[in-house]
Amino acid sequence: MNNFKINVTIQLLPTKCTADKIELIDRAIACIKESKLKHLVCPFETVVEGTYKEIFDLVDKIRTTTLNNGCEELLINMKMHAGNKDLFFEDKLVKYS
């Protein structure tokens, strides 16, 4: 496995919960911020940039944090852009700046 940077969008959808769903999403965003990975919080999902391992370690932390804080089931939707070189989400946005 290489250490190229990839871009991933992460969308957490808590389903069966006793806890407040917005609070669970806020905890997930806190996990992303604590990861120190480059990210951009958007209205429906968060874009994160890091290596494959960093990203999937983060997704696992979001999963366990959510399940350990009042959520019995969840969905995590992801979109990944990976390649044979570092990929940066800023490169995709430069023409819109």
N, C-alpha and C. Protein backbone atom coordinates (compact mmCIF):
# COMPACT_ATOMS: atom_id res chain seq x y z
N MET A 1 0.86 -1.19 0.00
CA MET A 1 0.00 0.00 0.00
C MET A 1 0.90 1.24 0.00
N ASN A 2 0.55 2.22 -0.80
CA ASN A 2 1.34 3.45 -0.86
C ASN A 2 0.86 4.45 0.19
N ASN A 3 1.59 5.53 0.31
CA ASN A 3 1.22 6.57 1.27
C ASN A 3 0.76 7.84 0.58
N PHE A 4 0.21 7.70 -0.63
CA PHE A 4 -0.30 8.87 -1.34
C PHE A 4 -1.51 9.43 -0.60
N LYS A 5 -1.66 10.75 -0.69
CA LYS A 5 -2.84 11.40 -0.12
C LYS A 5 -4.05 11.07 -0.99
N ILE A 6 -5.15 10.79 -0.34
CA ILE A 6 -6.42 10.57 -1.01
C ILE A 6 -7.43 11.57 -0.47
N ASN A 7 -8.53 11.73 -1.18
CA ASN A 7 -9.64 12.58 -0.74
C ASN A 7 -10.83 11.68 -0.48
N VAL A 8 -11.50 11.90 0.63
CA VAL A 8 -12.69 11.12 0.97
C VAL A 8 -13.74 12.06 1.53
N THR A 9 -14.97 11.85 1.14
CA THR A 9 -16.07 12.52 1.83
C THR A 9 -16.65 11.52 2.81
N ILE A 10 -17.00 12.02 3.98
CA ILE A 10 -17.57 11.18 5.03
C ILE A 10 -18.91 11.79 5.44
N GLN A 11 -19.95 10.98 5.40
CA GLN A 11 -21.28 11.40 5.84
C GLN A 11 -21.76 10.37 6.86
N LEU A 12 -21.98 10.83 8.09
CA LEU A 12 -22.49 9.96 9.15
C LEU A 12 -24.00 10.12 9.24
N LEU A 13 -24.70 8.98 9.22
CA LEU A 13 -26.16 8.97 9.39
C LEU A 13 -26.49 8.03 10.54
N PRO A 14 -26.61 8.56 11.77
CA PRO A 14 -27.02 7.72 12.89
C PRO A 14 -28.47 7.29 12.68
N THR A 15 -28.77 6.01 12.87
CA THR A 15 -30.13 5.53 12.65
C THR A 15 -30.82 5.21 13.97
N LYS A 16 -30.59 4.07 14.55
CA LYS A 16 -31.22 3.70 15.83
C LYS A 16 -30.43 4.30 16.97
N CYS A 17 -31.00 5.36 17.59
CA CYS A 17 -30.26 6.09 18.62
C CYS A 17 -31.15 6.49 19.78
N THR A 18 -30.55 6.49 20.96
CA THR A 18 -31.19 7.10 22.12
C THR A 18 -30.63 8.51 22.31
N ALA A 19 -29.44 8.75 21.78
CA ALA A 19 -28.80 10.06 21.88
C ALA A 19 -29.31 10.97 20.76
N ASP A 20 -29.09 12.26 20.96
CA ASP A 20 -29.44 13.26 19.95
C ASP A 20 -28.55 13.06 18.71
N LYS A 21 -29.16 12.93 17.55
CA LYS A 21 -28.42 12.64 16.32
C LYS A 21 -27.46 13.77 15.94
N ILE A 22 -27.87 15.00 16.15
CA ILE A 22 -26.99 16.14 15.84
C ILE A 22 -25.77 16.11 16.75
N GLU A 23 -25.96 15.77 18.02
CA GLU A 23 -24.83 15.66 18.94
C GLU A 23 -23.86 14.57 18.49
N LEU A 24 -24.39 13.46 17.98
CA LEU A 24 -23.53 12.40 17.48
C LEU A 24 -22.73 12.86 16.26
N ILE A 25 -23.37 13.61 15.38
CA ILE A 25 -22.67 14.15 14.21
C ILE A 25 -21.60 15.14 14.66
N ASP A 26 -21.93 15.96 15.66
CA ASP A 26 -20.94 16.90 16.19
C ASP A 26 -19.73 16.16 16.77
N ARG A 27 -19.97 15.02 17.43
CA ARG A 27 -18.86 14.21 17.95
C ARG A 27 -18.00 13.67 16.81
N ALA A 28 -18.65 13.26 15.72
CA ALA A 28 -17.90 12.77 14.56
C ALA A 28 -17.03 13.87 13.97
N ILE A 29 -17.57 15.07 13.87
CA ILE A 29 -16.78 16.20 13.37
C ILE A 29 -15.64 16.51 14.32
N ALA A 30 -15.86 16.36 15.62
CA ALA A 30 -14.79 16.55 16.61
C ALA A 30 -13.68 15.51 16.39
N CYS A 31 -14.05 14.27 16.07
CA CYS A 31 -13.05 13.24 15.77
C CYS A 31 -12.22 13.65 14.56
N ILE A 32 -12.87 14.21 13.56
CA ILE A 32 -12.17 14.65 12.36
C ILE A 32 -11.20 15.77 12.70
N LYS A 33 -11.66 16.75 13.48
CA LYS A 33 -10.79 17.86 13.87
C LYS A 33 -9.61 17.36 14.70
N GLU A 34 -9.86 16.44 15.63
CA GLU A 34 -8.80 15.89 16.49
C GLU A 34 -7.77 15.10 15.68
N SER A 35 -8.17 14.58 14.53
CA SER A 35 -7.25 13.79 13.72
C SER A 35 -6.13 14.64 13.13
N LYS A 36 -6.33 15.94 13.09
CA LYS A 36 -5.36 16.89 12.50
C LYS A 36 -5.22 16.71 10.98
N LEU A 37 -6.10 15.89 10.38
CA LEU A 37 -6.09 15.76 8.93
C LEU A 37 -6.74 16.99 8.32
N LYS A 38 -6.29 17.35 7.13
CA LYS A 38 -6.90 18.47 6.42
C LYS A 38 -8.35 18.10 6.12
N HIS A 39 -9.27 19.01 6.39
CA HIS A 39 -10.68 18.71 6.18
C HIS A 39 -11.46 19.98 5.89
N LEU A 40 -12.64 19.78 5.34
CA LEU A 40 -13.56 20.87 5.05
C LEU A 40 -14.96 20.38 5.41
N VAL A 41 -15.55 21.00 6.44
CA VAL A 41 -16.90 20.62 6.86
C VAL A 41 -17.89 21.31 5.92
N CYS A 42 -18.77 20.52 5.34
CA CYS A 42 -19.79 21.01 4.41
C CYS A 42 -21.17 20.67 4.99
N PRO A 43 -22.24 21.21 4.42
CA PRO A 43 -23.56 20.98 4.99
C PRO A 43 -24.01 19.52 5.07
N PHE A 44 -23.61 18.68 4.12
CA PHE A 44 -24.11 17.31 4.08
C PHE A 44 -23.04 16.25 4.35
N GLU A 45 -21.78 16.64 4.26
CA GLU A 45 -20.68 15.70 4.45
C GLU A 45 -19.42 16.50 4.72
N THR A 46 -18.37 15.81 5.11
CA THR A 46 -17.09 16.46 5.35
C THR A 46 -16.04 15.83 4.45
N VAL A 47 -15.25 16.67 3.80
CA VAL A 47 -14.18 16.22 2.93
C VAL A 47 -12.92 16.12 3.78
N VAL A 48 -12.21 15.00 3.66
CA VAL A 48 -11.00 14.78 4.44
C VAL A 48 -9.88 14.34 3.50
N GLU A 49 -8.67 14.81 3.79
CA GLU A 49 -7.51 14.47 2.99
C GLU A 49 -6.47 13.80 3.89
N GLY A 50 -5.97 12.65 3.45
CA GLY A 50 -4.95 11.94 4.21
C GLY A 50 -4.58 10.66 3.49
N THR A 51 -3.71 9.87 4.10
CA THR A 51 -3.38 8.59 3.50
C THR A 51 -4.55 7.63 3.71
N TYR A 52 -4.54 6.56 2.95
CA TYR A 52 -5.60 5.54 3.08
C TYR A 52 -5.72 5.07 4.53
N LYS A 53 -4.59 4.76 5.16
CA LYS A 53 -4.60 4.27 6.54
C LYS A 53 -5.14 5.34 7.49
N GLU A 54 -4.69 6.58 7.34
CA GLU A 54 -5.17 7.65 8.21
C GLU A 54 -6.68 7.82 8.09
N ILE A 55 -7.18 7.79 6.87
CA ILE A 55 -8.61 7.97 6.63
C ILE A 55 -9.41 6.83 7.26
N PHE A 56 -8.98 5.60 7.02
CA PHE A 56 -9.78 4.48 7.53
C PHE A 56 -9.62 4.29 9.03
N ASP A 57 -8.51 4.72 9.61
CA ASP A 57 -8.42 4.77 11.07
C ASP A 57 -9.42 5.79 11.61
N LEU A 58 -9.53 6.92 10.92
CA LEU A 58 -10.49 7.95 11.32
C LEU A 58 -11.92 7.44 11.22
N VAL A 59 -12.26 6.79 10.12
CA VAL A 59 -13.62 6.26 9.94
C VAL A 59 -13.94 5.26 11.04
N ASP A 60 -12.97 4.43 11.41
CA ASP A 60 -13.19 3.48 12.50
C ASP A 60 -13.41 4.20 13.83
N LYS A 61 -12.68 5.28 14.07
CA LYS A 61 -12.88 6.07 15.30
C LYS A 61 -14.27 6.69 15.32
N ILE A 62 -14.71 7.22 14.18
CA ILE A 62 -16.06 7.79 14.09
C ILE A 62 -17.10 6.70 14.38
N ARG A 63 -16.91 5.53 13.79
CA ARG A 63 -17.85 4.42 14.00
C ARG A 63 -17.92 4.03 15.47
N THR A 64 -16.77 3.80 16.10
CA THR A 64 -16.79 3.35 17.49
C THR A 64 -17.28 4.44 18.43
N THR A 65 -16.89 5.68 18.18
CA THR A 65 -17.37 6.79 19.01
C THR A 65 -18.88 6.90 18.95
N THR A 66 -19.43 6.79 17.76
CA THR A 66 -20.88 6.90 17.59
C THR A 66 -21.59 5.74 18.27
N LEU A 67 -21.11 4.52 18.06
CA LEU A 67 -21.75 3.34 18.65
C LEU A 67 -21.60 3.30 20.17
N ASN A 68 -20.59 3.95 20.70
CA ASN A 68 -20.38 3.97 22.15
C ASN A 68 -21.05 5.14 22.86
N ASN A 69 -21.79 5.94 22.11
CA ASN A 69 -22.42 7.13 22.70
C ASN A 69 -23.90 7.23 22.39
N GLY A 70 -24.60 6.12 22.49
CA GLY A 70 -26.05 6.16 22.38
C GLY A 70 -26.62 5.86 21.01
N CYS A 71 -25.84 5.25 20.15
CA CYS A 71 -26.32 4.88 18.83
C CYS A 71 -26.14 3.38 18.64
N GLU A 72 -27.22 2.71 18.30
CA GLU A 72 -27.18 1.26 18.12
C GLU A 72 -26.80 0.87 16.69
N GLU A 73 -27.19 1.70 15.72
CA GLU A 73 -26.88 1.44 14.31
C GLU A 73 -26.60 2.76 13.61
N LEU A 74 -25.76 2.68 12.57
CA LEU A 74 -25.42 3.88 11.80
C LEU A 74 -25.09 3.52 10.37
N LEU A 75 -25.14 4.50 9.55
CA LEU A 75 -24.66 4.39 8.16
C LEU A 75 -23.55 5.41 7.99
N ILE A 76 -22.48 5.01 7.32
CA ILE A 76 -21.44 5.95 6.94
C ILE A 76 -21.31 5.87 5.43
N ASN A 77 -21.65 6.96 4.77
CA ASN A 77 -21.49 7.06 3.32
C ASN A 77 -20.14 7.71 3.04
N MET A 78 -19.42 7.14 2.07
CA MET A 78 -18.12 7.67 1.70
C MET A 78 -17.96 7.71 0.19
N LYS A 79 -17.22 8.71 -0.27
CA LYS A 79 -16.77 8.76 -1.65
C LYS A 79 -15.26 8.95 -1.59
N MET A 80 -14.52 8.18 -2.38
CA MET A 80 -13.07 8.24 -2.34
C MET A 80 -12.50 8.56 -3.72
N HIS A 81 -11.50 9.43 -3.71
CA HIS A 81 -10.72 9.70 -4.91
C HIS A 81 -9.28 9.33 -4.57
N ALA A 82 -8.75 8.31 -5.23
CA ALA A 82 -7.39 7.84 -4.98
C ALA A 82 -6.66 7.70 -6.30
N GLY A 83 -5.35 7.75 -6.25
CA GLY A 83 -4.57 7.62 -7.48
C GLY A 83 -3.15 7.17 -7.19
N ASN A 84 -2.30 7.25 -8.22
CA ASN A 84 -0.89 6.90 -8.09
C ASN A 84 -0.05 8.14 -7.83
N LYS A 85 -0.63 9.12 -7.19
CA LYS A 85 0.05 10.35 -6.79
C LYS A 85 -0.77 10.98 -5.68
N ASP A 86 -0.21 11.95 -5.00
CA ASP A 86 -0.97 12.68 -3.99
C ASP A 86 -2.11 13.45 -4.65
N LEU A 87 -3.26 13.40 -4.04
CA LEU A 87 -4.43 14.15 -4.52
C LEU A 87 -4.85 15.12 -3.43
N PHE A 88 -5.09 16.35 -3.82
CA PHE A 88 -5.46 17.40 -2.87
C PHE A 88 -6.78 18.01 -3.30
N PHE A 89 -7.72 18.16 -2.37
CA PHE A 89 -9.01 18.69 -2.79
C PHE A 89 -8.92 20.13 -3.21
N GLU A 90 -7.94 20.87 -2.75
CA GLU A 90 -7.77 22.26 -3.20
C GLU A 90 -7.52 22.33 -4.71
N ASP A 91 -6.80 21.34 -5.26
CA ASP A 91 -6.55 21.33 -6.70
C ASP A 91 -7.85 21.26 -7.50
N LYS A 92 -8.86 20.66 -6.92
CA LYS A 92 -10.14 20.54 -7.62
C LYS A 92 -10.95 21.83 -7.50
N LEU A 93 -10.60 22.68 -6.55
CA LEU A 93 -11.38 23.89 -6.29
C LEU A 93 -10.73 25.17 -6.82
N VAL A 94 -9.46 25.10 -7.21
CA VAL A 94 -8.73 26.31 -7.58
C VAL A 94 -9.42 27.10 -8.68
N LYS A 95 -10.01 26.45 -9.63
CA LYS A 95 -10.64 27.20 -10.73
C LYS A 95 -11.91 27.92 -10.28
N TYR A 96 -12.42 27.62 -9.09
CA TYR A 96 -13.63 28.28 -8.59
C TYR A 96 -13.30 29.40 -7.62
N SER A 97 -12.01 29.61 -7.33
CA SER A 97 -11.61 30.64 -6.38
C SER A 97 -11.59 32.01 -7.01
